[in-house]
């Protein structure tokens, strides 16, 4: 029982206290007891094993459960391009709240935008099936709150940086070209 408690204590010390790489030694002492230590074993130790231990052993990169539910039940899509201040404020707003979203460009997908929103005016935010045209922070916060999104990023969770709105691709004749896939901010739920 003492050996199990010792192992747990050593592993806990490594997982809590050390961010960099460290070594963990395992050996059998002269009485036949298995020892785990962060210091090298004595010269008379048998069956010595050295293991490198690095970083936290707990995965903190996943989204909180409440955010996973909001993303699943009410995915956020932002239709925008480089429209100036409203589009910039829209991206910053989502990023400050830690909202994972997909960004789509109506210049590259005009028919899809017209079908989804009825026009190509931007920015347009979809929170699930709820559509918000234009940028108004209070209306956006209300829709995001109702969908269960957090008011601020979860500690330890880093939302993806908002994608800079790419200019529409042009062919040699100057007409907007079609991009096979919309560029946007990938959702952490897809990780």
Protein backbone atom coordinates (compact mmCIF):
# COMPACT_ATOMS: atom_id res chain seq x y z
CA UNK A 1 0.00 0.00 0.00
CA UNK A 2 2.88 2.35 0.79
CA UNK A 3 4.27 1.87 -2.72
CA UNK A 4 0.98 2.82 -4.39
CA UNK A 5 0.67 5.94 -2.24
CA UNK A 6 4.29 6.83 -3.06
CA UNK A 7 3.69 6.43 -6.80
CA UNK A 8 0.56 8.56 -6.66
CA UNK A 9 2.40 11.28 -4.71
CA UNK A 10 5.29 11.37 -7.19
CA UNK A 11 2.99 11.44 -10.22
CA UNK A 12 0.84 14.15 -8.64
CA UNK A 13 3.92 16.26 -7.93
CA UNK A 14 4.94 15.97 -11.57
CA UNK A 15 1.50 16.76 -12.98
CA UNK A 16 0.91 19.76 -10.72
CA UNK A 17 4.30 21.34 -10.25
CA UNK A 18 6.32 20.93 -13.38
CA UNK A 19 5.71 22.57 -16.75
CA UNK A 20 8.98 21.50 -18.35
CA UNK A 21 10.42 18.07 -18.99
CA UNK A 22 11.54 16.00 -16.00
CA UNK A 23 12.74 12.47 -15.34
CA UNK A 24 11.06 9.80 -13.32
CA UNK A 25 13.13 6.83 -12.17
CA UNK A 26 11.80 3.39 -11.30
CA UNK A 27 13.94 0.73 -9.67
CA UNK A 28 13.95 -2.22 -7.29
CA UNK A 29 15.84 -1.66 -4.04
CA UNK A 30 17.91 -4.27 -2.18
CA UNK A 31 14.83 -5.39 -0.17
CA UNK A 32 12.80 -6.05 -3.33
CA UNK A 33 10.62 -2.90 -3.06
CA UNK A 34 9.79 -0.96 -6.20
CA UNK A 35 10.70 2.73 -5.86
CA UNK A 36 9.65 5.73 -7.94
CA UNK A 37 11.64 8.95 -7.58
CA UNK A 38 12.58 12.07 -9.47
CA UNK A 39 16.23 11.60 -8.44
CA UNK A 40 18.62 8.98 -9.84
CA UNK A 41 18.64 5.65 -7.97
CA UNK A 42 21.49 4.50 -5.72
CA UNK A 43 24.28 2.42 -7.27
CA UNK A 44 22.98 -0.89 -5.80
CA UNK A 45 19.48 -0.48 -7.40
CA UNK A 46 18.24 -3.23 -9.74
CA UNK A 47 16.01 -3.04 -12.85
CA UNK A 48 16.45 0.71 -13.25
CA UNK A 49 14.09 2.46 -15.69
CA UNK A 50 14.16 6.14 -16.59
CA UNK A 51 11.12 7.87 -18.06
CA UNK A 52 10.79 11.40 -19.33
CA UNK A 53 7.73 13.20 -18.07
CA UNK A 54 6.74 16.55 -19.54
CA UNK A 55 3.95 19.03 -19.07
CA UNK A 56 0.57 18.49 -17.62
CA UNK A 57 -0.99 15.08 -17.90
CA UNK A 58 -4.47 16.62 -17.91
CA UNK A 59 -5.84 17.74 -21.27
CA UNK A 60 -7.17 21.27 -20.76
CA UNK A 61 -7.57 22.14 -24.43
CA UNK A 62 -11.13 20.83 -24.71
CA UNK A 63 -14.12 23.09 -24.48
CA UNK A 64 -16.27 23.14 -21.37
CA UNK A 65 -19.34 20.93 -21.63
CA UNK A 66 -21.76 23.88 -21.64
CA UNK A 67 -19.90 25.38 -24.61
CA UNK A 68 -19.90 22.03 -26.42
CA UNK A 69 -23.69 21.90 -26.03
CA UNK A 70 -24.13 25.46 -27.32
CA UNK A 71 -21.94 24.72 -30.36
CA UNK A 72 -23.85 21.51 -31.07
CA UNK A 73 -27.35 22.95 -30.62
CA UNK A 74 -26.79 26.50 -31.91
CA UNK A 75 -23.73 26.69 -34.21
CA UNK A 76 -22.56 30.23 -34.95
CA UNK A 77 -21.95 31.36 -38.52
CA UNK A 78 -20.77 34.85 -39.41
CA UNK A 79 -21.30 36.04 -42.98
CA UNK A 80 -18.81 38.82 -43.60
CA UNK A 81 -15.98 40.13 -45.73
CA UNK A 82 -13.82 43.25 -45.48
CA UNK A 83 -16.76 45.65 -45.06
CA UNK A 84 -14.97 47.94 -42.66
CA UNK A 85 -15.82 48.80 -39.07
CA UNK A 86 -19.03 46.71 -38.65
CA UNK A 87 -17.36 43.51 -39.88
CA UNK A 88 -14.25 44.13 -37.77
CA UNK A 89 -16.37 44.77 -34.66
CA UNK A 90 -18.38 41.61 -35.39
CA UNK A 91 -15.27 39.40 -35.48
CA UNK A 92 -13.76 41.03 -32.38
CA UNK A 93 -17.03 40.64 -30.48
CA UNK A 94 -17.15 36.88 -31.07
CA UNK A 95 -13.48 36.49 -30.25
CA UNK A 96 -13.73 38.43 -26.97
CA UNK A 97 -16.56 36.17 -25.81
CA UNK A 98 -14.65 33.03 -26.82
CA UNK A 99 -17.29 31.97 -29.33
CA UNK A 100 -16.21 29.31 -31.86
CA UNK A 101 -17.69 30.25 -35.22
CA UNK A 102 -17.51 29.65 -38.93
CA UNK A 103 -16.89 32.64 -41.14
CA UNK A 104 -18.33 32.67 -44.65
CA UNK A 105 -17.81 35.22 -47.42
CA UNK A 106 -20.88 36.27 -49.47
CA UNK A 107 -18.61 37.56 -52.24
CA UNK A 108 -17.47 33.98 -52.79
CA UNK A 109 -20.85 32.35 -52.12
CA UNK A 110 -23.50 34.88 -53.19
CA UNK A 111 -26.22 32.32 -53.92
CA UNK A 112 -25.73 30.54 -50.59
CA UNK A 113 -25.85 33.90 -48.79
CA UNK A 114 -29.04 34.97 -50.58
CA UNK A 115 -30.64 31.63 -49.76
CA UNK A 116 -29.61 31.83 -46.09
CA UNK A 117 -30.21 35.53 -45.38
CA UNK A 118 -32.26 36.89 -48.29
CA UNK A 119 -29.60 39.40 -49.31
CA UNK A 120 -25.85 39.86 -49.46
CA UNK A 121 -25.67 42.68 -46.90
CA UNK A 122 -23.08 42.03 -44.16
CA UNK A 123 -22.43 41.33 -41.40
CA UNK A 124 -25.05 38.66 -40.74
CA UNK A 125 -24.83 36.41 -37.71
CA UNK A 126 -26.61 33.07 -37.42
CA UNK A 127 -26.88 31.59 -33.94
CA UNK A 128 -28.50 28.30 -34.81
CA UNK A 129 -31.52 29.34 -36.88
CA UNK A 130 -31.68 32.82 -35.30
CA UNK A 131 -30.59 35.42 -37.87
CA UNK A 132 -29.22 38.86 -36.92
CA UNK A 133 -28.58 41.35 -39.73
CA UNK A 134 -26.05 44.09 -39.10
CA UNK A 135 -23.91 44.48 -36.00
CA UNK A 136 -25.57 45.54 -32.76
CA UNK A 137 -23.68 44.30 -29.72
CA UNK A 138 -26.69 44.14 -27.40
CA UNK A 139 -28.75 42.08 -29.88
CA UNK A 140 -25.79 39.76 -30.52
CA UNK A 141 -25.18 39.27 -26.80
CA UNK A 142 -28.86 38.50 -26.24
CA UNK A 143 -28.90 35.84 -28.98
CA UNK A 144 -25.63 34.28 -27.78
CA UNK A 145 -26.79 34.29 -24.15
CA UNK A 146 -30.08 32.63 -25.09
CA UNK A 147 -28.18 29.91 -26.95
CA UNK A 148 -26.06 29.15 -23.87
CA UNK A 149 -22.76 30.67 -24.98
CA UNK A 150 -20.45 32.05 -22.28
CA UNK A 151 -20.12 35.79 -21.69
CA UNK A 152 -16.32 35.48 -21.61
CA UNK A 153 -13.79 32.83 -22.62
CA UNK A 154 -13.42 29.88 -20.27
CA UNK A 155 -10.12 30.02 -18.32
CA UNK A 156 -7.52 28.00 -20.18
CA UNK A 157 -9.56 27.90 -23.37
CA UNK A 158 -8.21 29.89 -26.27
CA UNK A 159 -10.75 30.57 -28.98
CA UNK A 160 -9.48 30.62 -32.53
CA UNK A 161 -8.42 34.04 -33.71
CA UNK A 162 -10.96 35.52 -36.07
CA UNK A 163 -9.92 35.04 -39.66
CA UNK A 164 -9.00 38.17 -41.48
CA UNK A 165 -11.60 38.60 -44.16
CA UNK A 166 -9.89 37.69 -47.42
CA UNK A 167 -10.55 39.84 -50.44
CA UNK A 168 -12.57 38.11 -53.15
CA UNK A 169 -10.39 36.21 -55.57
CA UNK A 170 -10.45 37.58 -59.08
CA UNK A 171 -9.85 35.93 -62.41
CA UNK A 172 -7.81 37.69 -65.14
CA UNK A 173 -10.98 39.47 -66.40
CA UNK A 174 -11.56 41.00 -62.95
CA UNK A 175 -14.68 38.98 -62.11
CA UNK A 176 -15.00 37.49 -58.65
CA UNK A 177 -13.82 33.90 -58.68
CA UNK A 178 -15.32 30.99 -56.87
CA UNK A 179 -13.44 29.59 -53.95
CA UNK A 180 -14.17 25.86 -53.56
CA UNK A 181 -14.39 26.10 -49.76
CA UNK A 182 -15.22 29.09 -47.61
CA UNK A 183 -12.39 30.29 -45.47
CA UNK A 184 -13.29 30.87 -41.90
CA UNK A 185 -12.50 30.14 -38.36
CA UNK A 186 -12.58 26.41 -37.72
CA UNK A 187 -14.69 25.31 -34.78
CA UNK A 188 -12.74 23.79 -31.72
CA UNK A 189 -15.50 21.27 -31.56
CA UNK A 190 -14.05 19.71 -34.67
CA UNK A 191 -10.74 19.03 -32.94
